Amino acid sequence: GGLLGALRGAATGAMTGTGMFTTQLTGQGAAVLLAHGGVFELQVGGPTPVVVDPQAFVASYGPVRTELKSSMSWRNVGRTGGEAMQLECSGQGIVYVQASEEKL
């Protein structure tokens, strides 16, 4: 249990691909973020949400709300380019994204 149990669960979720938005860490300490190609920090706050590719999302810090949005409509069916699904991040905090969409 405790922090080590939470970190073990997060690592298991990351390795199996089943940990998306399921692990929450609280308290004092440190956490390691695993990502392919490095991690970028994006500030969240203000009137415009930050939109990221769900496959590039690694973690968030602070009271950040995430909502999965579809950009598919009858107007763009069959067209290529862009992402069909996007993760909209709002609130106040930091979102961490990886440089590559490849899984570890």
PDB file of N, CA and C in Angstrom:
ATOM      1  N   GLY A   1       0.799  -1.186   0.000  1.00  0.00           N
ATOM      2  CA  GLY A   1       0.000   0.000   0.000  1.00  0.00           C
ATOM      3  C   GLY A   1       0.847   1.256   0.000  1.00  0.00           C
ATOM      4  N   GLY A   2       0.243   2.366   0.334  1.00  0.00           N
ATOM      5  CA  GLY A   2       0.926   3.647   0.442  1.00  0.00           C
ATOM      6  C   GLY A   2       1.469   4.134  -0.880  1.00  0.00           C
ATOM      7  N   LEU A   3       2.476   4.996  -0.789  1.00  0.00           N
ATOM      8  CA  LEU A   3       3.056   5.616  -1.973  1.00  0.00           C
ATOM      9  C   LEU A   3       3.705   4.582  -2.883  1.00  0.00           C
ATOM     10  N   LEU A   4       4.434   3.622  -2.305  1.00  0.00           N
ATOM     11  CA  LEU A   4       5.078   2.607  -3.136  1.00  0.00           C
ATOM     12  C   LEU A   4       4.047   1.769  -3.883  1.00  0.00           C
ATOM     13  N   GLY A   5       2.944   1.458  -3.228  1.00  0.00           N
ATOM     14  CA  GLY A   5       1.882   0.711  -3.892  1.00  0.00           C
ATOM     15  C   GLY A   5       1.274   1.505  -5.026  1.00  0.00           C
ATOM     16  N   ALA A   6       1.073   2.805  -4.798  1.00  0.00           N
ATOM     17  CA  ALA A   6       0.513   3.667  -5.841  1.00  0.00           C
ATOM     18  C   ALA A   6       1.463   3.778  -7.027  1.00  0.00           C
ATOM     19  N   LEU A   7       2.766   3.926  -6.747  1.00  0.00           N
ATOM     20  CA  LEU A   7       3.750   4.000  -7.821  1.00  0.00           C
ATOM     21  C   LEU A   7       3.836   2.684  -8.585  1.00  0.00           C
ATOM     22  N   ARG A   8       3.759   1.563  -7.869  1.00  0.00           N
ATOM     23  CA  ARG A   8       3.787   0.255  -8.509  1.00  0.00           C
ATOM     24  C   ARG A   8       2.565   0.109  -9.434  1.00  0.00           C
ATOM     25  N   GLY A   9       1.392   0.563  -8.957  1.00  0.00           N
ATOM     26  CA  GLY A   9       0.182   0.507  -9.770  1.00  0.00           C
ATOM     27  C   GLY A   9       0.284   1.389 -10.998  1.00  0.00           C
ATOM     28  N   ALA A  10       0.889   2.563 -10.836  1.00  0.00           N
ATOM     29  CA  ALA A  10       1.052   3.481 -11.967  1.00  0.00           C
ATOM     30  C   ALA A  10       1.993   2.882 -12.999  1.00  0.00           C
ATOM     31  N   ALA A  11       3.091   2.281 -12.535  1.00  0.00           N
ATOM     32  CA  ALA A  11       4.052   1.672 -13.457  1.00  0.00           C
ATOM     33  C   ALA A  11       3.414   0.500 -14.189  1.00  0.00           C
ATOM     34  N   THR A  12       2.634  -0.298 -13.486  1.00  0.00           N
ATOM     35  CA  THR A  12       1.940  -1.419 -14.122  1.00  0.00           C
ATOM     36  C   THR A  12       0.963  -0.918 -15.170  1.00  0.00           C
ATOM     37  N   GLY A  13       0.207   0.127 -14.839  1.00  0.00           N
ATOM     38  CA  GLY A  13      -0.738   0.700 -15.801  1.00  0.00           C
ATOM     39  C   GLY A  13      -0.037   1.259 -17.014  1.00  0.00           C
ATOM     40  N   ALA A  14       1.107   1.902 -16.799  1.00  0.00           N
ATOM     41  CA  ALA A  14       1.855   2.473 -17.918  1.00  0.00           C
ATOM     42  C   ALA A  14       2.402   1.378 -18.821  1.00  0.00           C
ATOM     43  N   MET A  15       2.881   0.309 -18.238  1.00  0.00           N
ATOM     44  CA  MET A  15       3.469  -0.777 -19.026  1.00  0.00           C
ATOM     45  C   MET A  15       2.412  -1.576 -19.788  1.00  0.00           C
ATOM     46  N   THR A  16       1.242  -1.731 -19.218  1.00  0.00           N
ATOM     47  CA  THR A  16       0.192  -2.534 -19.864  1.00  0.00           C
ATOM     48  C   THR A  16      -0.726  -1.689 -20.730  1.00  0.00           C
ATOM     49  N   GLY A  17      -0.633  -0.361 -20.610  1.00  0.00           N
ATOM     50  CA  GLY A  17      -1.493   0.521 -21.386  1.00  0.00           C
ATOM     51  C   GLY A  17      -2.884   0.662 -20.802  1.00  0.00           C
ATOM     52  N   THR A  18      -3.087   0.225 -19.548  1.00  0.00           N
ATOM     53  CA  THR A  18      -4.414   0.286 -18.943  1.00  0.00           C
ATOM     54  C   THR A  18      -4.516   1.355 -17.869  1.00  0.00           C
ATOM     55  N   GLY A  19      -3.492   2.184 -17.703  1.00  0.00           N
ATOM     56  CA  GLY A  19      -3.496   3.140 -16.604  1.00  0.00           C
ATOM     57  C   GLY A  19      -3.954   4.535 -16.951  1.00  0.00           C
ATOM     58  N   MET A  20      -4.557   4.747 -18.116  1.00  0.00           N
ATOM     59  CA  MET A  20      -4.934   6.097 -18.521  1.00  0.00           C
ATOM     60  C   MET A  20      -5.946   6.705 -17.560  1.00  0.00           C
ATOM     61  N   PHE A  21      -5.556   7.780 -16.921  1.00  0.00           N
ATOM     62  CA  PHE A  21      -6.395   8.553 -16.010  1.00  0.00           C
ATOM     63  C   PHE A  21      -6.862   7.759 -14.792  1.00  0.00           C
ATOM     64  N   THR A  22      -6.161   6.722 -14.393  1.00  0.00           N
ATOM     65  CA  THR A  22      -6.644   5.901 -13.288  1.00  0.00           C
ATOM     66  C   THR A  22      -5.825   6.026 -12.015  1.00  0.00           C
ATOM     67  N   THR A  23      -4.655   6.597 -12.067  1.00  0.00           N
ATOM     68  CA  THR A  23      -3.780   6.661 -10.906  1.00  0.00           C
ATOM     69  C   THR A  23      -3.657   8.090 -10.409  1.00  0.00           C
ATOM     70  N   GLN A  24      -3.896   8.274  -9.111  1.00  0.00           N
ATOM     71  CA  GLN A  24      -3.773   9.598  -8.503  1.00  0.00           C
ATOM     72  C   GLN A  24      -2.824   9.488  -7.330  1.00  0.00           C
ATOM     73  N   LEU A  25      -1.809  10.348  -7.309  1.00  0.00           N
ATOM     74  CA  LEU A  25      -0.840  10.386  -6.222  1.00  0.00           C
ATOM     75  C   LEU A  25      -1.074  11.630  -5.392  1.00  0.00           C
ATOM     76  N   THR A  26      -1.045  11.490  -4.066  1.00  0.00           N
ATOM     77  CA  THR A  26      -1.175  12.631  -3.162  1.00  0.00           C
ATOM     78  C   THR A  26      -0.120  12.508  -2.066  1.00  0.00           C
ATOM     79  N   GLY A  27       0.142  13.615  -1.389  1.00  0.00           N
ATOM     80  CA  GLY A  27       1.079  13.603  -0.273  1.00  0.00           C
ATOM     81  C   GLY A  27       2.442  14.123  -0.665  1.00  0.00           C
ATOM     82  N   GLN A  28       3.403  13.925   0.218  1.00  0.00           N
ATOM     83  CA  GLN A  28       4.771  14.399   0.009  1.00  0.00           C
ATOM     84  C   GLN A  28       5.591  13.316  -0.678  1.00  0.00           C
ATOM     85  N   GLY A  29       6.533  13.730  -1.503  1.00  0.00           N
ATOM     86  CA  GLY A  29       7.416  12.773  -2.155  1.00  0.00           C
ATOM     87  C   GLY A  29       7.686  13.155  -3.586  1.00  0.00           C
ATOM     88  N   ALA A  30       8.112  12.173  -4.350  1.00  0.00           N
ATOM     89  CA  ALA A  30       8.458  12.390  -5.751  1.00  0.00           C
ATOM     90  C   ALA A  30       7.840  11.284  -6.589  1.00  0.00           C
ATOM     91  N   ALA A  31       7.658  11.570  -7.855  1.00  0.00           N
ATOM     92  CA  ALA A  31       7.153  10.581  -8.796  1.00  0.00           C
ATOM     93  C   ALA A  31       8.007  10.652 -10.054  1.00  0.00           C
ATOM     94  N   VAL A  32       8.162   9.534 -10.702  1.00  0.00           N
ATOM     95  CA  VAL A  32       8.919   9.452 -11.944  1.00  0.00           C
ATOM     96  C   VAL A  32       7.932   9.356 -13.093  1.00  0.00           C
ATOM     97  N   LEU A  33       8.116  10.194 -14.110  1.00  0.00           N
ATOM     98  CA  LEU A  33       7.273  10.152 -15.302  1.00  0.00           C
ATOM     99  C   LEU A  33       8.046   9.454 -16.412  1.00  0.00           C
ATOM    100  N   LEU A  34       7.490   8.371 -16.918  1.00  0.00           N
ATOM    101  CA  LEU A  34       8.102   7.654 -18.024  1.00  0.00           C
ATOM    102  C   LEU A  34       7.455   8.110 -19.319  1.00  0.00           C
ATOM    103  N   ALA A  35       8.270   8.434 -20.312  1.00  0.00           N
ATOM    104  CA  ALA A  35       7.725   8.906 -21.577  1.00  0.00           C
ATOM    105  C   ALA A  35       8.690   8.588 -22.701  1.00  0.00           C
ATOM    106  N   HIS A  36       8.168   8.458 -23.880  1.00  0.00           N
ATOM    107  CA  HIS A  36       8.978   8.197 -25.058  1.00  0.00           C
ATOM    108  C   HIS A  36       9.339   9.526 -25.710  1.00  0.00           C
ATOM    109  N   GLY A  37      10.621   9.821 -25.818  1.00  0.00           N
ATOM    110  CA  GLY A  37      11.065  11.041 -26.477  1.00  0.00           C
ATOM    111  C   GLY A  37      11.120  12.268 -25.587  1.00  0.00           C
ATOM    112  N   GLY A  38      11.004  12.102 -24.273  1.00  0.00           N
ATOM    113  CA  GLY A  38      11.057  13.236 -23.368  1.00  0.00           C
ATOM    114  C   GLY A  38       9.677  13.766 -23.027  1.00  0.00           C
ATOM    115  N   VAL A  39       9.620  14.603 -21.983  1.00  0.00           N
ATOM    116  CA  VAL A  39       8.360  15.142 -21.478  1.00  0.00           C
ATOM    117  C   VAL A  39       8.363  16.659 -21.620  1.00  0.00           C
ATOM    118  N   PHE A  40       7.246  17.207 -22.080  1.00  0.00           N
ATOM    119  CA  PHE A  40       7.062  18.649 -22.179  1.00  0.00           C
ATOM    120  C   PHE A  40       6.020  19.093 -21.158  1.00  0.00           C
ATOM    121  N   GLU A  41       6.247  20.246 -20.544  1.00  0.00           N
ATOM    122  CA  GLU A  41       5.301  20.853 -19.592  1.00  0.00           C
ATOM    123  C   GLU A  41       4.463  21.887 -20.307  1.00  0.00           C
ATOM    124  N   LEU A  42       3.138  21.804 -20.141  1.00  0.00           N
ATOM    125  CA  LEU A  42       2.237  22.810 -20.700  1.00  0.00           C
ATOM    126  C   LEU A  42       1.423  23.417 -19.568  1.00  0.00           C
ATOM    127  N   GLN A  43       1.477  24.735 -19.433  1.00  0.00           N
ATOM    128  CA  GLN A  43       0.706  25.435 -18.398  1.00  0.00           C
ATOM    129  C   GLN A  43      -0.774  25.419 -18.753  1.00  0.00           C
ATOM    130  N   VAL A  44      -1.607  25.092 -17.780  1.00  0.00           N
ATOM    131  CA  VAL A  44      -3.059  25.111 -17.954  1.00  0.00           C
ATOM    132  C   VAL A  44      -3.607  26.217 -17.074  1.00  0.00           C
ATOM    133  N   GLY A  45      -4.457  27.049 -17.611  1.00  0.00           N
ATOM    134  CA  GLY A  45      -5.048  28.152 -16.868  1.00  0.00           C
ATOM    135  C   GLY A  45      -5.530  29.215 -17.842  1.00  0.00           C
ATOM    136  N   GLY A  46      -6.474  29.984 -17.401  1.00  0.00           N
ATOM    137  CA  GLY A  46      -6.999  31.012 -18.285  1.00  0.00           C
ATOM    138  C   GLY A  46      -8.241  30.543 -18.998  1.00  0.00           C
ATOM    139  N   PRO A  47      -8.746  31.383 -19.893  1.00  0.00           N
ATOM    140  CA  PRO A  47     -10.035  31.099 -20.527  1.00  0.00           C
ATOM    141  C   PRO A  47      -9.988  30.010 -21.597  1.00  0.00           C
ATOM    142  N   THR A  48      -8.821  29.764 -22.199  1.00  0.00           N
ATOM    143  CA  THR A  48      -8.729  28.789 -23.276  1.00  0.00           C
ATOM    144  C   THR A  48      -8.122  27.484 -22.764  1.00  0.00           C
ATOM    145  N   PRO A  49      -8.829  26.346 -22.937  1.00  0.00           N
ATOM    146  CA  PRO A  49      -8.271  25.072 -22.492  1.00  0.00           C
ATOM    147  C   PRO A  49      -7.072  24.657 -23.337  1.00  0.00           C
ATOM    148  N   VAL A  50      -6.228  23.820 -22.778  1.00  0.00           N
ATOM    149  CA  VAL A  50      -5.107  23.239 -23.497  1.00  0.00           C
ATOM    150  C   VAL A  50      -5.602  21.922 -24.084  1.00  0.00           C
ATOM    151  N   VAL A  51      -5.375  21.721 -25.374  1.00  0.00           N
ATOM    152  CA  VAL A  51      -5.832  20.510 -26.054  1.00  0.00           C
ATOM    153  C   VAL A  51      -4.618  19.696 -26.481  1.00  0.00           C
ATOM    154  N   VAL A  52      -4.602  18.400 -26.097  1.00  0.00           N
ATOM    155  CA  VAL A  52      -3.480  17.525 -26.417  1.00  0.00           C
ATOM    156  C   VAL A  52      -4.003  16.212 -27.001  1.00  0.00           C
ATOM    157  N   ASP A  53      -3.117  15.497 -27.652  1.00  0.00           N
ATOM    158  CA  ASP A  53      -3.423  14.168 -28.160  1.00  0.00           C
ATOM    159  C   ASP A  53      -3.494  13.216 -26.957  1.00  0.00           C
ATOM    160  N   PRO A  54      -4.563  12.446 -26.801  1.00  0.00           N
ATOM    161  CA  PRO A  54      -4.673  11.544 -25.647  1.00  0.00           C
ATOM    162  C   PRO A  54      -3.528  10.539 -25.555  1.00  0.00           C
ATOM    163  N   GLN A  55      -2.959  10.123 -26.697  1.00  0.00           N
ATOM    164  CA  GLN A  55      -1.862   9.165 -26.669  1.00  0.00           C
ATOM    165  C   GLN A  55      -0.550   9.805 -26.232  1.00  0.00           C
ATOM    166  N   ALA A  56      -0.455  11.126 -26.282  1.00  0.00           N
ATOM    167  CA  ALA A  56       0.750  11.823 -25.855  1.00  0.00           C
ATOM    168  C   ALA A  56       0.662  12.268 -24.385  1.00  0.00           C
ATOM    169  N   PHE A  57      -0.547  12.259 -23.804  1.00  0.00           N
ATOM    170  CA  PHE A  57      -0.750  12.684 -22.418  1.00  0.00           C
ATOM    171  C   PHE A  57      -0.020  11.734 -21.475  1.00  0.00           C
ATOM    172  N   VAL A  58       0.749  12.314 -20.531  1.00  0.00           N
ATOM    173  CA  VAL A  58       1.474  11.514 -19.547  1.00  0.00           C
ATOM    174  C   VAL A  58       0.872  11.709 -18.160  1.00  0.00           C
ATOM    175  N   ALA A  59       0.711  12.966 -17.738  1.00  0.00           N
ATOM    176  CA  ALA A  59       0.223  13.244 -16.383  1.00  0.00           C
ATOM    177  C   ALA A  59      -0.204  14.700 -16.292  1.00  0.00           C
ATOM    178  N   SER A  60      -0.844  15.024 -15.173  1.00  0.00           N
ATOM    179  CA  SER A  60      -1.165  16.418 -14.884  1.00  0.00           C
ATOM    180  C   SER A  60      -0.870  16.683 -13.416  1.00  0.00           C
ATOM    181  N   TYR A  61      -0.664  17.960 -13.092  1.00  0.00           N
ATOM    182  CA  TYR A  61      -0.373  18.378 -11.728  1.00  0.00           C
ATOM    183  C   TYR A  61      -1.307  19.527 -11.382  1.00  0.00           C
ATOM    184  N   GLY A  62      -1.934  19.437 -10.232  1.00  0.00           N
ATOM    185  CA  GLY A  62      -2.844  20.488  -9.800  1.00  0.00           C
ATOM    186  C   GLY A  62      -4.276  20.136 -10.161  1.00  0.00           C
ATOM    187  N   PRO A  63      -5.195  21.065  -9.892  1.00  0.00           N
ATOM    188  CA  PRO A  63      -6.610  20.813 -10.180  1.00  0.00           C
ATOM    189  C   PRO A  63      -6.935  20.975 -11.674  1.00  0.00           C
ATOM    190  N   VAL A  64      -6.412  20.046 -12.468  1.00  0.00           N
ATOM    191  CA  VAL A  64      -6.640  20.056 -13.911  1.00  0.00           C
ATOM    192  C   VAL A  64      -7.773  19.077 -14.225  1.00  0.00           C
ATOM    193  N   ARG A  65      -8.763  19.556 -14.955  1.00  0.00           N
ATOM    194  CA  ARG A  65      -9.872  18.703 -15.393  1.00  0.00           C
ATOM    195  C   ARG A  65      -9.597  18.255 -16.823  1.00  0.00           C
ATOM    196  N   THR A  66      -9.802  16.969 -17.097  1.00  0.00           N
ATOM    197  CA  THR A  66      -9.594  16.448 -18.441  1.00  0.00           C
ATOM    198  C   THR A  66     -10.920  15.939 -19.001  1.00  0.00           C
ATOM    199  N   GLU A  67     -11.124  16.200 -20.278  1.00  0.00           N
ATOM    200  CA  GLU A  67     -12.339  15.732 -20.946  1.00  0.00           C
ATOM    201  C   GLU A  67     -11.970  15.284 -22.355  1.00  0.00           C
ATOM    202  N   LEU A  68     -12.323  14.049 -22.684  1.00  0.00           N
ATOM    203  CA  LEU A  68     -12.053  13.508 -23.998  1.00  0.00           C
ATOM    204  C   LEU A  68     -13.095  14.047 -24.978  1.00  0.00           C
ATOM    205  N   LYS A  69     -12.627  14.657 -26.064  1.00  0.00           N
ATOM    206  CA  LYS A  69     -13.519  15.270 -27.053  1.00  0.00           C
ATOM    207  C   LYS A  69     -13.288  14.626 -28.414  1.00  0.00           C
ATOM    208  N   SER A  70     -14.347  14.456 -29.158  1.00  0.00           N
ATOM    209  CA  SER A  70     -14.249  13.940 -30.510  1.00  0.00           C
ATOM    210  C   SER A  70     -14.326  15.099 -31.488  1.00  0.00           C
ATOM    211  N   SER A  71     -13.428  15.096 -32.464  1.00  0.00           N
ATOM    212  CA  SER A  71     -13.474  16.131 -33.492  1.00  0.00           C
ATOM    213  C   SER A  71     -14.112  15.590 -34.762  1.00  0.00           C
ATOM    214  N   MET A  72     -14.678  14.398 -34.676  1.00  0.00           N
ATOM    215  CA  MET A  72     -15.338  13.794 -35.837  1.00  0.00           C
ATOM    216  C   MET A  72     -16.741  14.379 -35.994  1.00  0.00           C
ATOM    217  N   SER A  73     -17.102  14.653 -37.214  1.00  0.00           N
ATOM    218  CA  SER A  73     -18.458  15.095 -37.524  1.00  0.00           C
ATOM    219  C   SER A  73     -18.795  14.605 -38.923  1.00  0.00           C
ATOM    220  N   TRP A  74     -20.009  14.777 -39.323  1.00  0.00           N
ATOM    221  CA  TRP A  74     -20.405  14.342 -40.661  1.00  0.00           C
ATOM    222  C   TRP A  74     -19.665  15.119 -41.739  1.00  0.00           C
ATOM    223  N   ARG A  75     -19.138  16.286 -41.409  1.00  0.00           N
ATOM    224  CA  ARG A  75     -18.421  17.113 -42.389  1.00  0.00           C
ATOM    225  C   ARG A  75     -17.025  16.589 -42.693  1.00  0.00           C
ATOM    226  N   ASN A  76     -16.379  15.916 -41.719  1.00  0.00           N
ATOM    227  CA  ASN A  76     -14.999  15.478 -41.957  1.00  0.00           C
ATOM    228  C   ASN A  76     -14.856  13.964 -42.068  1.00  0.00           C
ATOM    229  N   VAL A  77     -15.945  13.226 -42.255  1.00  0.00           N
ATOM    230  CA  VAL A  77     -15.868  11.779 -42.431  1.00  0.00           C
ATOM    231  C   VAL A  77     -15.109  11.483 -43.718  1.00  0.00           C
ATOM    232  N   GLY A  78     -14.104  10.624 -43.614  1.00  0.00           N
ATOM    233  CA  GLY A  78     -13.313  10.242 -44.782  1.00  0.00           C
ATOM    234  C   GLY A  78     -12.133  11.144 -45.073  1.00  0.00           C
ATOM    235  N   ARG A  79     -12.036  12.252 -44.393  1.00  0.00           N
ATOM    236  CA  ARG A  79     -10.893  13.159 -44.597  1.00  0.00           C
ATOM    237  C   ARG A  79      -9.759  12.721 -43.686  1.00  0.00           C
ATOM    238  N   THR A  80      -8.544  12.998 -44.101  1.00  0.00           N
ATOM    239  CA  THR A  80      -7.386  12.632 -43.293  1.00  0.00           C
ATOM    240  C   THR A  80      -6.802  13.876 -42.641  1.00  0.00           C
ATOM    241  N   GLY A  81      -5.894  13.660 -41.708  1.00  0.00           N
ATOM    242  CA  GLY A  81      -5.231  14.765 -41.016  1.00  0.00           C
ATOM    243  C   GLY A  81      -5.913  15.069 -39.703  1.00  0.00           C
ATOM    244  N   GLY A  82      -5.148  15.524 -38.740  1.00  0.00           N
ATOM    245  CA  GLY A  82      -5.696  15.843 -37.423  1.00  0.00           C
ATOM    246  C   GLY A  82      -5.978  14.580 -36.622  1.00  0.00           C
ATOM    247  N   GLU A  83      -6.423  14.763 -35.435  1.00  0.00           N
ATOM    248  CA  GLU A  83      -6.737  13.653 -34.544  1.00  0.00           C
ATOM    249  C   GLU A  83      -8.240  13.545 -34.383  1.00  0.00           C
ATOM    250  N   ALA A  84      -8.761  12.314 -34.405  1.00  0.00           N
ATOM    251  CA  ALA A  84     -10.193  12.100 -34.223  1.00  0.00           C
ATOM    252  C   ALA A  84     -10.609  12.392 -32.786  1.00  0.00           C
ATOM    253  N   MET A  85      -9.732  12.094 -31.829  1.00  0.00           N
ATOM    254  CA  MET A  85     -10.012  12.331 -30.419  1.00  0.00           C
ATOM    255  C   MET A  85      -8.954  13.277 -29.852  1.00  0.00           C
ATOM    256  N   GLN A  86      -9.392  14.198 -29.014  1.00  0.00           N
ATOM    257  CA  GLN A  86      -8.477  15.137 -28.362  1.00  0.00           C
ATOM    258  C   GLN A  86      -8.813  15.198 -26.883  1.00  0.00           C
ATOM    259  N   LEU A  87      -7.816  15.466 -26.069  1.00  0.00           N
ATOM    260  CA  LEU A  87      -8.005  15.604 -24.637  1.00  0.00           C
ATOM    261  C   LEU A  87      -7.959  17.082 -24.291  1.00  0.00           C
ATOM    262  N   GLU A  88      -9.080  17.612 -23.809  1.00  0.00           N
ATOM    263  CA  GLU A  88      -9.184  19.023 -23.440  1.00  0.00           C
ATOM    264  C   GLU A  88      -8.884  19.162 -21.956  1.00  0.00           C
ATOM    265  N   CYS A  89      -7.900  19.975 -21.612  1.00  0.00           N
ATOM    266  CA  CYS A  89      -7.453  20.165 -20.225  1.00  0.00           C
ATOM    267  C   CYS A  89      -7.774  21.591 -19.795  1.00  0.00           C
ATOM    268  N   SER A  90      -8.497  21.725 -18.677  1.00  0.00           N
ATOM    269  CA  SER A  90      -8.850  23.048 -18.168  1.00  0.00           C
ATOM    270  C   SER A  90      -8.621  23.078 -16.662  1.00  0.00           C
ATOM    271  N   GLY A  91      -8.748  24.239 -16.074  1.00  0.00           N
ATOM    272  CA  GLY A  91      -8.487  24.412 -14.646  1.00  0.00           C
ATOM    273  C   GLY A  91      -7.193  25.176 -14.452  1.00  0.00           C
ATOM    274  N   GLN A  92      -6.437  24.818 -13.435  1.00  0.00           N
ATOM    275  CA  GLN A  92      -5.150  25.457 -13.136  1.00  0.00           C
ATOM    276  C   GLN A  92      -4.124  24.371 -12.850  1.00  0.00           C
ATOM    277  N   GLY A  93      -2.978  24.433 -13.501  1.00  0.00           N
ATOM    278  CA  GLY A  93      -1.924  23.462 -13.221  1.00  0.00           C
ATOM    279  C   GLY A  93      -1.021  23.249 -14.413  1.00  0.00           C
ATOM    280  N   ILE A  94      -0.487  22.036 -14.490  1.00  0.00           N
ATOM    281  CA  ILE A  94       0.466  21.675 -15.532  1.00  0.00           C
ATOM    282  C   ILE A  94       0.033  20.345 -16.135  1.00  0.00           C
ATOM    283  N   VAL A  95       0.147  20.238 -17.446  1.00  0.00           N
ATOM    284  CA  VAL A  95      -0.071  18.983 -18.152  1.00  0.00           C
ATOM    285  C   VAL A  95       1.275  18.557 -18.724  1.00  0.00           C
ATOM    286  N   TYR A  96       1.599  17.291 -18.573  1.00  0.00           N
ATOM    287  CA  TYR A  96       2.840  16.733 -19.107  1.00  0.00           C
ATOM    288  C   TYR A  96       2.496  15.853 -20.302  1.00  0.00           C
ATOM    289  N   VAL A  97       3.149  16.096 -21.439  1.00  0.00           N
ATOM    290  CA  VAL A  97       2.938  15.298 -22.637  1.00  0.00           C
ATOM    291  C   VAL A  97       4.276  14.770 -23.131  1.00  0.00           C
ATOM    292  N   GLN A  98       4.224  13.612 -23.777  1.00  0.00           N
ATOM    293  CA  GLN A  98       5.454  13.049 -24.326  1.00  0.00           C
ATOM    294  C   GLN A  98       5.648  13.494 -25.760  1.00  0.00           C
ATOM    295  N   ALA A  99       6.901  13.527 -26.174  1.00  0.00           N
ATOM    296  CA  ALA A  99       7.242  14.022 -27.509  1.00  0.00           C
ATOM    297  C   ALA A  99       6.815  13.055 -28.611  1.00  0.00           C
ATOM    298  N   SER A 100       6.694  11.790 -28.286  1.00  0.00           N
ATOM    299  CA  SER A 100       6.319  10.779 -29.269  1.00  0.00           C
ATOM    300  C   SER A 100       5.103  10.019 -28.790  1.00  0.00           C
ATOM    301  N   GLU A 101       4.266   9.545 -29.713  1.00  0.00           N
ATOM    302  CA  GLU A 101       3.073   8.782 -29.345  1.00  0.00           C
ATOM    303  C   GLU A 101       3.379   7.292 -29.167  1.00  0.00           C
ATOM    304  N   GLU A 102       4.616   6.883 -29.406  1.00  0.00           N
ATOM    305  CA  GLU A 102       4.956   5.475 -29.261  1.00  0.00           C
ATOM    306  C   GLU A 102       4.842   5.059 -27.804  1.00  0.00           C
ATOM    307  N   LYS A 103       4.396   3.816 -27.590  1.00  0.00           N
ATOM    308  CA  LYS A 103       4.312   3.291 -26.224  1.00  0.00           C
ATOM    309  C   LYS A 103       5.691   2.843 -25.774  1.00  0.00           C
ATOM    310  N   LEU A 104       5.931   2.910 -24.473  1.00  0.00           N
ATOM    311  CA  LEU A 104       7.213   2.456 -23.923  1.00  0.00           C
ATOM    312  C   LEU A 104       7.291   0.954 -23.955  1.00  0.00           C
TER     313      LEU A 104
END
